[in-house]
Amino acid sequence: MLSIRSLALAGVLAVLPQIVMAAESGQCVDVSVPKHAIEARNGKWIQLTPEQWEFLRGIYAMNPLTPPGLPYGDKAALAKVDGNSGGLIFFIDGDKACTPMPVPQTLLSMIDDVATAKISHEGNGL
């Protein structure tokens, strides 16, 4: 089972550099390309809510590893593959997948909280 997960992750990782290179050059790819690559490896392609999209736009804009500014598009999808605790966010512009952004497990939990309008505060505040 572990070797299947490793192979699935390796397959996704083999396709992702091409998608990332396209996004970094200002180009987007047809949404079917990453969607089918994820699904072919028994992954999940999850359409996110408008609230989750807005939340992730802010994360993207403040992330030092992403280009300056807001990502393309008006919605987002989360790609997950078994065996990987994190995921990959794609910002969707019409029928194009743009500006992929890796997300760790801790951010995935926050994305779930946004979807359910769960508010929790860390620490004591000011």
N, C-alpha and C. Protein backbone atom coordinates (compact mmCIF):
# COMPACT_ATOMS: atom_id res chain seq x y z
N MET A 1 0.82 -1.18 0.00
CA MET A 1 0.00 0.00 0.00
C MET A 1 0.87 1.25 0.00
N LEU A 2 1.94 1.22 0.79
CA LEU A 2 2.83 2.38 0.85
C LEU A 2 3.48 2.64 -0.50
N SER A 3 3.85 1.58 -1.22
CA SER A 3 4.49 1.79 -2.52
C SER A 3 3.52 2.39 -3.53
N ILE A 4 2.24 2.04 -3.45
CA ILE A 4 1.24 2.64 -4.34
C ILE A 4 1.11 4.12 -4.05
N ARG A 5 1.07 4.47 -2.76
CA ARG A 5 1.00 5.89 -2.39
C ARG A 5 2.24 6.64 -2.86
N SER A 6 3.38 6.03 -2.72
CA SER A 6 4.63 6.66 -3.15
C SER A 6 4.63 6.88 -4.65
N LEU A 7 4.16 5.89 -5.39
CA LEU A 7 4.09 6.02 -6.84
C LEU A 7 3.10 7.10 -7.25
N ALA A 8 1.95 7.17 -6.57
CA ALA A 8 0.95 8.19 -6.88
C ALA A 8 1.52 9.58 -6.63
N LEU A 9 2.18 9.75 -5.50
CA LEU A 9 2.77 11.04 -5.19
C LEU A 9 3.86 11.39 -6.20
N ALA A 10 4.68 10.43 -6.57
CA ALA A 10 5.74 10.68 -7.55
C ALA A 10 5.15 11.08 -8.90
N GLY A 11 4.05 10.44 -9.28
CA GLY A 11 3.39 10.78 -10.54
C GLY A 11 2.85 12.20 -10.55
N VAL A 12 2.21 12.58 -9.46
CA VAL A 12 1.69 13.94 -9.36
C VAL A 12 2.84 14.94 -9.37
N LEU A 13 3.89 14.63 -8.63
CA LEU A 13 5.03 15.53 -8.58
C LEU A 13 5.71 15.66 -9.94
N ALA A 14 5.62 14.64 -10.76
CA ALA A 14 6.20 14.70 -12.10
C ALA A 14 5.43 15.66 -13.00
N VAL A 15 4.13 15.77 -12.81
CA VAL A 15 3.28 16.64 -13.64
C VAL A 15 3.29 18.07 -13.12
N LEU A 16 3.37 18.25 -11.82
CA LEU A 16 3.23 19.58 -11.21
C LEU A 16 4.29 20.59 -11.65
N PRO A 17 5.55 20.23 -11.86
CA PRO A 17 6.51 21.25 -12.29
C PRO A 17 6.11 21.92 -13.60
N GLN A 18 5.52 21.17 -14.52
CA GLN A 18 5.06 21.76 -15.78
C GLN A 18 3.96 22.77 -15.52
N ILE A 19 3.04 22.44 -14.61
CA ILE A 19 1.95 23.34 -14.29
C ILE A 19 2.48 24.58 -13.58
N VAL A 20 3.40 24.38 -12.64
CA VAL A 20 3.97 25.51 -11.90
C VAL A 20 4.75 26.42 -12.84
N MET A 21 5.53 25.86 -13.76
CA MET A 21 6.28 26.67 -14.72
C MET A 21 5.33 27.51 -15.57
N ALA A 22 4.22 26.93 -15.99
CA ALA A 22 3.25 27.69 -16.78
C ALA A 22 2.68 28.83 -15.97
N ALA A 23 2.36 28.57 -14.72
CA ALA A 23 1.80 29.62 -13.86
C ALA A 23 2.80 30.73 -13.61
N GLU A 24 4.07 30.37 -13.39
CA GLU A 24 5.09 31.38 -13.11
C GLU A 24 5.36 32.24 -14.33
N SER A 25 5.13 31.72 -15.51
CA SER A 25 5.36 32.50 -16.72
C SER A 25 4.14 33.32 -17.08
N GLY A 26 3.14 33.33 -16.22
CA GLY A 26 1.94 34.13 -16.46
C GLY A 26 0.90 33.38 -17.28
N GLN A 27 1.15 32.12 -17.57
CA GLN A 27 0.21 31.33 -18.34
C GLN A 27 -0.61 30.45 -17.42
N CYS A 28 -1.78 30.12 -17.89
CA CYS A 28 -2.62 29.16 -17.18
C CYS A 28 -2.75 27.93 -18.07
N VAL A 29 -3.19 26.83 -17.49
CA VAL A 29 -3.41 25.61 -18.27
C VAL A 29 -4.88 25.23 -18.18
N ASP A 30 -5.33 24.49 -19.15
CA ASP A 30 -6.71 24.00 -19.11
C ASP A 30 -6.92 23.25 -17.81
N VAL A 31 -8.02 23.54 -17.14
CA VAL A 31 -8.29 22.95 -15.83
C VAL A 31 -8.30 21.43 -15.87
N SER A 32 -8.60 20.86 -17.03
CA SER A 32 -8.66 19.40 -17.14
C SER A 32 -7.28 18.76 -16.96
N VAL A 33 -6.21 19.49 -17.25
CA VAL A 33 -4.86 18.92 -17.14
C VAL A 33 -4.53 18.55 -15.70
N PRO A 34 -4.53 19.51 -14.76
CA PRO A 34 -4.22 19.09 -13.38
C PRO A 34 -5.32 18.23 -12.76
N LYS A 35 -6.58 18.51 -13.13
CA LYS A 35 -7.68 17.73 -12.57
C LYS A 35 -7.55 16.25 -12.94
N HIS A 36 -7.29 15.97 -14.21
CA HIS A 36 -7.14 14.58 -14.64
C HIS A 36 -5.87 13.95 -14.07
N ALA A 37 -4.80 14.74 -13.93
CA ALA A 37 -3.56 14.20 -13.34
C ALA A 37 -3.80 13.78 -11.90
N ILE A 38 -4.55 14.56 -11.15
CA ILE A 38 -4.85 14.22 -9.76
C ILE A 38 -5.78 13.02 -9.70
N GLU A 39 -6.85 13.04 -10.49
CA GLU A 39 -7.82 11.93 -10.47
C GLU A 39 -7.19 10.63 -10.96
N ALA A 40 -6.26 10.69 -11.91
CA ALA A 40 -5.59 9.48 -12.41
C ALA A 40 -4.76 8.80 -11.34
N ARG A 41 -4.40 9.56 -10.33
CA ARG A 41 -3.61 9.01 -9.22
C ARG A 41 -4.47 8.80 -7.98
N ASN A 42 -5.78 8.61 -8.21
CA ASN A 42 -6.76 8.38 -7.15
C ASN A 42 -6.80 9.52 -6.15
N GLY A 43 -6.48 10.71 -6.61
CA GLY A 43 -6.56 11.89 -5.76
C GLY A 43 -7.95 12.49 -5.81
N LYS A 44 -8.11 13.58 -5.08
CA LYS A 44 -9.39 14.27 -5.01
C LYS A 44 -9.23 15.69 -5.52
N TRP A 45 -10.18 16.13 -6.32
CA TRP A 45 -10.25 17.49 -6.82
C TRP A 45 -11.49 18.08 -6.17
N ILE A 46 -11.30 19.04 -5.26
CA ILE A 46 -12.39 19.57 -4.45
C ILE A 46 -12.61 21.04 -4.77
N GLN A 47 -13.80 21.35 -5.29
CA GLN A 47 -14.16 22.74 -5.55
C GLN A 47 -14.37 23.45 -4.21
N LEU A 48 -13.73 24.58 -4.01
CA LEU A 48 -13.84 25.30 -2.75
C LEU A 48 -14.97 26.33 -2.79
N THR A 49 -15.44 26.72 -1.62
CA THR A 49 -16.52 27.70 -1.53
C THR A 49 -15.98 29.10 -1.83
N PRO A 50 -16.87 30.04 -2.14
CA PRO A 50 -16.43 31.42 -2.35
C PRO A 50 -15.70 31.99 -1.12
N GLU A 51 -16.13 31.62 0.07
CA GLU A 51 -15.47 32.09 1.28
C GLU A 51 -14.05 31.53 1.39
N GLN A 52 -13.90 30.26 1.06
CA GLN A 52 -12.57 29.66 1.09
C GLN A 52 -11.66 30.31 0.04
N TRP A 53 -12.21 30.60 -1.13
CA TRP A 53 -11.45 31.26 -2.19
C TRP A 53 -10.95 32.62 -1.72
N GLU A 54 -11.83 33.42 -1.11
CA GLU A 54 -11.44 34.74 -0.61
C GLU A 54 -10.34 34.61 0.45
N PHE A 55 -10.50 33.67 1.37
CA PHE A 55 -9.50 33.43 2.41
C PHE A 55 -8.15 33.10 1.77
N LEU A 56 -8.15 32.22 0.78
CA LEU A 56 -6.91 31.77 0.15
C LEU A 56 -6.27 32.86 -0.71
N ARG A 57 -7.06 33.76 -1.24
CA ARG A 57 -6.49 34.91 -1.97
C ARG A 57 -5.60 35.73 -1.04
N GLY A 58 -6.08 35.93 0.20
CA GLY A 58 -5.28 36.67 1.18
C GLY A 58 -4.01 35.93 1.55
N ILE A 59 -4.13 34.62 1.73
CA ILE A 59 -2.95 33.80 2.05
C ILE A 59 -1.95 33.90 0.90
N TYR A 60 -2.43 33.79 -0.33
CA TYR A 60 -1.57 33.86 -1.51
C TYR A 60 -0.84 35.21 -1.57
N ALA A 61 -1.59 36.30 -1.35
CA ALA A 61 -1.02 37.64 -1.45
C ALA A 61 0.07 37.87 -0.40
N MET A 62 -0.05 37.25 0.76
CA MET A 62 0.92 37.45 1.84
C MET A 62 2.03 36.40 1.86
N ASN A 63 1.93 35.39 1.03
CA ASN A 63 2.90 34.31 1.00
C ASN A 63 4.18 34.78 0.29
N PRO A 64 5.33 34.75 0.96
CA PRO A 64 6.56 35.21 0.31
C PRO A 64 7.02 34.29 -0.83
N LEU A 65 6.44 33.11 -0.94
CA LEU A 65 6.84 32.18 -2.00
C LEU A 65 6.00 32.31 -3.27
N THR A 66 5.00 33.18 -3.26
CA THR A 66 4.16 33.38 -4.44
C THR A 66 4.48 34.73 -5.06
N PRO A 67 4.17 34.90 -6.35
CA PRO A 67 4.41 36.21 -6.98
C PRO A 67 3.58 37.30 -6.30
N PRO A 68 4.02 38.55 -6.37
CA PRO A 68 3.27 39.65 -5.75
C PRO A 68 1.87 39.78 -6.36
N GLY A 69 0.95 40.27 -5.55
CA GLY A 69 -0.40 40.52 -6.02
C GLY A 69 -1.34 39.37 -5.72
N LEU A 70 -2.53 39.50 -6.26
CA LEU A 70 -3.56 38.47 -6.09
C LEU A 70 -3.47 37.43 -7.19
N PRO A 71 -3.92 36.22 -6.92
CA PRO A 71 -3.89 35.18 -7.95
C PRO A 71 -4.98 35.42 -9.00
N TYR A 72 -4.85 34.77 -10.13
CA TYR A 72 -5.86 34.82 -11.19
C TYR A 72 -7.16 34.17 -10.71
N GLY A 73 -8.24 34.46 -11.38
CA GLY A 73 -9.46 33.70 -11.23
C GLY A 73 -10.46 34.22 -10.24
N ASP A 74 -11.59 33.50 -10.22
CA ASP A 74 -12.70 33.87 -9.35
C ASP A 74 -13.19 32.70 -8.51
N LYS A 75 -12.42 31.62 -8.49
CA LYS A 75 -12.73 30.47 -7.63
C LYS A 75 -11.46 29.66 -7.46
N ALA A 76 -11.55 28.62 -6.64
CA ALA A 76 -10.37 27.80 -6.37
C ALA A 76 -10.77 26.34 -6.18
N ALA A 77 -9.79 25.46 -6.39
CA ALA A 77 -9.97 24.03 -6.16
C ALA A 77 -8.78 23.51 -5.37
N LEU A 78 -9.05 22.52 -4.55
CA LEU A 78 -8.02 21.86 -3.76
C LEU A 78 -7.75 20.49 -4.36
N ALA A 79 -6.49 20.20 -4.62
CA ALA A 79 -6.08 18.88 -5.10
C ALA A 79 -5.37 18.16 -3.97
N LYS A 80 -5.83 16.95 -3.67
CA LYS A 80 -5.23 16.14 -2.61
C LYS A 80 -4.93 14.75 -3.16
N VAL A 81 -3.82 14.19 -2.71
CA VAL A 81 -3.41 12.84 -3.09
C VAL A 81 -3.17 12.05 -1.82
N ASP A 82 -3.68 10.82 -1.78
CA ASP A 82 -3.45 9.96 -0.62
C ASP A 82 -1.96 9.84 -0.33
N GLY A 83 -1.63 9.86 0.94
CA GLY A 83 -0.25 9.73 1.34
C GLY A 83 0.45 11.06 1.53
N ASN A 84 -0.19 12.14 1.14
CA ASN A 84 0.37 13.48 1.32
C ASN A 84 -0.57 14.25 2.23
N SER A 85 -0.08 14.71 3.37
CA SER A 85 -0.96 15.37 4.34
C SER A 85 -1.38 16.76 3.89
N GLY A 86 -0.65 17.37 2.99
CA GLY A 86 -1.00 18.69 2.48
C GLY A 86 -1.79 18.60 1.20
N GLY A 87 -1.79 19.65 0.45
CA GLY A 87 -2.51 19.67 -0.82
C GLY A 87 -1.96 20.76 -1.71
N LEU A 88 -2.66 21.00 -2.80
CA LEU A 88 -2.27 22.01 -3.76
C LEU A 88 -3.52 22.78 -4.16
N ILE A 89 -3.48 24.09 -4.00
CA ILE A 89 -4.60 24.94 -4.38
C ILE A 89 -4.37 25.42 -5.81
N PHE A 90 -5.40 25.34 -6.62
CA PHE A 90 -5.39 25.93 -7.96
C PHE A 90 -6.43 27.04 -7.98
N PHE A 91 -6.02 28.21 -8.42
CA PHE A 91 -6.97 29.30 -8.61
C PHE A 91 -7.51 29.16 -10.02
N ILE A 92 -8.82 29.18 -10.14
CA ILE A 92 -9.49 28.87 -11.40
C ILE A 92 -10.02 30.15 -12.05
N ASP A 93 -9.66 30.33 -13.31
CA ASP A 93 -10.08 31.48 -14.09
C ASP A 93 -10.81 30.94 -15.32
N GLY A 94 -12.14 30.90 -15.25
CA GLY A 94 -12.93 30.30 -16.33
C GLY A 94 -12.65 28.82 -16.42
N ASP A 95 -12.09 28.38 -17.55
CA ASP A 95 -11.76 26.96 -17.72
C ASP A 95 -10.25 26.72 -17.59
N LYS A 96 -9.56 27.66 -16.95
CA LYS A 96 -8.12 27.56 -16.78
C LYS A 96 -7.74 27.42 -15.31
N ALA A 97 -6.73 26.60 -15.04
CA ALA A 97 -6.15 26.45 -13.70
C ALA A 97 -4.88 27.28 -13.68
N CYS A 98 -4.79 28.15 -12.68
CA CYS A 98 -3.67 29.08 -12.62
C CYS A 98 -3.05 29.08 -11.23
N THR A 99 -1.87 29.65 -11.15
CA THR A 99 -1.17 29.96 -9.90
C THR A 99 -1.31 28.90 -8.81
N PRO A 100 -0.79 27.69 -9.04
CA PRO A 100 -0.87 26.65 -8.01
C PRO A 100 -0.09 27.06 -6.77
N MET A 101 -0.64 26.72 -5.62
CA MET A 101 -0.01 27.07 -4.34
C MET A 101 -0.05 25.86 -3.42
N PRO A 102 1.12 25.33 -3.01
CA PRO A 102 1.12 24.23 -2.05
C PRO A 102 0.59 24.70 -0.70
N VAL A 103 -0.16 23.82 -0.03
CA VAL A 103 -0.68 24.15 1.29
C VAL A 103 -0.39 23.00 2.26
N PRO A 104 0.10 23.34 3.45
CA PRO A 104 0.37 22.30 4.46
C PRO A 104 -0.91 21.90 5.18
N GLN A 105 -0.84 20.81 5.93
CA GLN A 105 -1.99 20.29 6.67
C GLN A 105 -2.61 21.34 7.59
N THR A 106 -1.78 22.16 8.26
CA THR A 106 -2.33 23.16 9.18
C THR A 106 -3.21 24.17 8.45
N LEU A 107 -2.84 24.53 7.25
CA LEU A 107 -3.67 25.45 6.47
C LEU A 107 -4.94 24.76 5.99
N LEU A 108 -4.86 23.47 5.68
CA LEU A 108 -6.07 22.73 5.27
C LEU A 108 -7.11 22.75 6.38
N SER A 109 -6.66 22.65 7.62
CA SER A 109 -7.60 22.72 8.75
C SER A 109 -8.28 24.08 8.81
N MET A 110 -7.53 25.14 8.57
CA MET A 110 -8.12 26.48 8.56
C MET A 110 -9.12 26.64 7.41
N ILE A 111 -8.80 26.07 6.25
CA ILE A 111 -9.70 26.13 5.10
C ILE A 111 -11.02 25.44 5.45
N ASP A 112 -10.95 24.30 6.15
CA ASP A 112 -12.17 23.62 6.60
C ASP A 112 -12.96 24.48 7.57
N ASP A 113 -12.25 25.16 8.47
CA ASP A 113 -12.93 26.04 9.43
C ASP A 113 -13.66 27.18 8.71
N VAL A 114 -13.05 27.72 7.67
CA VAL A 114 -13.70 28.79 6.90
C VAL A 114 -14.99 28.27 6.27
N ALA A 115 -14.96 27.05 5.75
CA ALA A 115 -16.14 26.48 5.11
C ALA A 115 -17.29 26.29 6.08
N THR A 116 -16.98 26.00 7.33
CA THR A 116 -18.03 25.75 8.33
C THR A 116 -18.27 26.96 9.22
N ALA A 117 -17.63 28.08 8.90
CA ALA A 117 -17.75 29.33 9.68
C ALA A 117 -17.36 29.11 11.14
N LYS A 118 -16.44 28.20 11.38
CA LYS A 118 -15.94 27.96 12.74
C LYS A 118 -14.89 28.99 13.07
N ILE A 119 -15.10 29.69 14.18
CA ILE A 119 -14.16 30.71 14.60
C ILE A 119 -13.50 30.25 15.89
N SER A 120 -12.17 30.20 15.86
CA SER A 120 -11.42 29.87 17.06
C SER A 120 -10.25 30.81 17.14
N HIS A 121 -9.91 31.21 18.34
CA HIS A 121 -8.83 32.16 18.54
C HIS A 121 -7.69 31.49 19.29
N GLU A 122 -6.51 31.71 18.80
CA GLU A 122 -5.31 31.19 19.44
C GLU A 122 -4.80 32.24 20.42
N GLY A 123 -4.34 31.84 21.56
CA GLY A 123 -3.74 32.77 22.51
C GLY A 123 -4.75 33.61 23.25
N ASN A 124 -4.27 34.63 23.96
CA ASN A 124 -5.09 35.45 24.81
C ASN A 124 -5.53 36.77 24.18
N GLY A 125 -5.11 37.05 22.98
CA GLY A 125 -5.45 38.34 22.37
C GLY A 125 -4.52 39.43 22.85
N LEU A 126 -4.97 40.65 22.71
CA LEU A 126 -4.13 41.79 23.09
C LEU A 126 -4.09 41.98 24.56
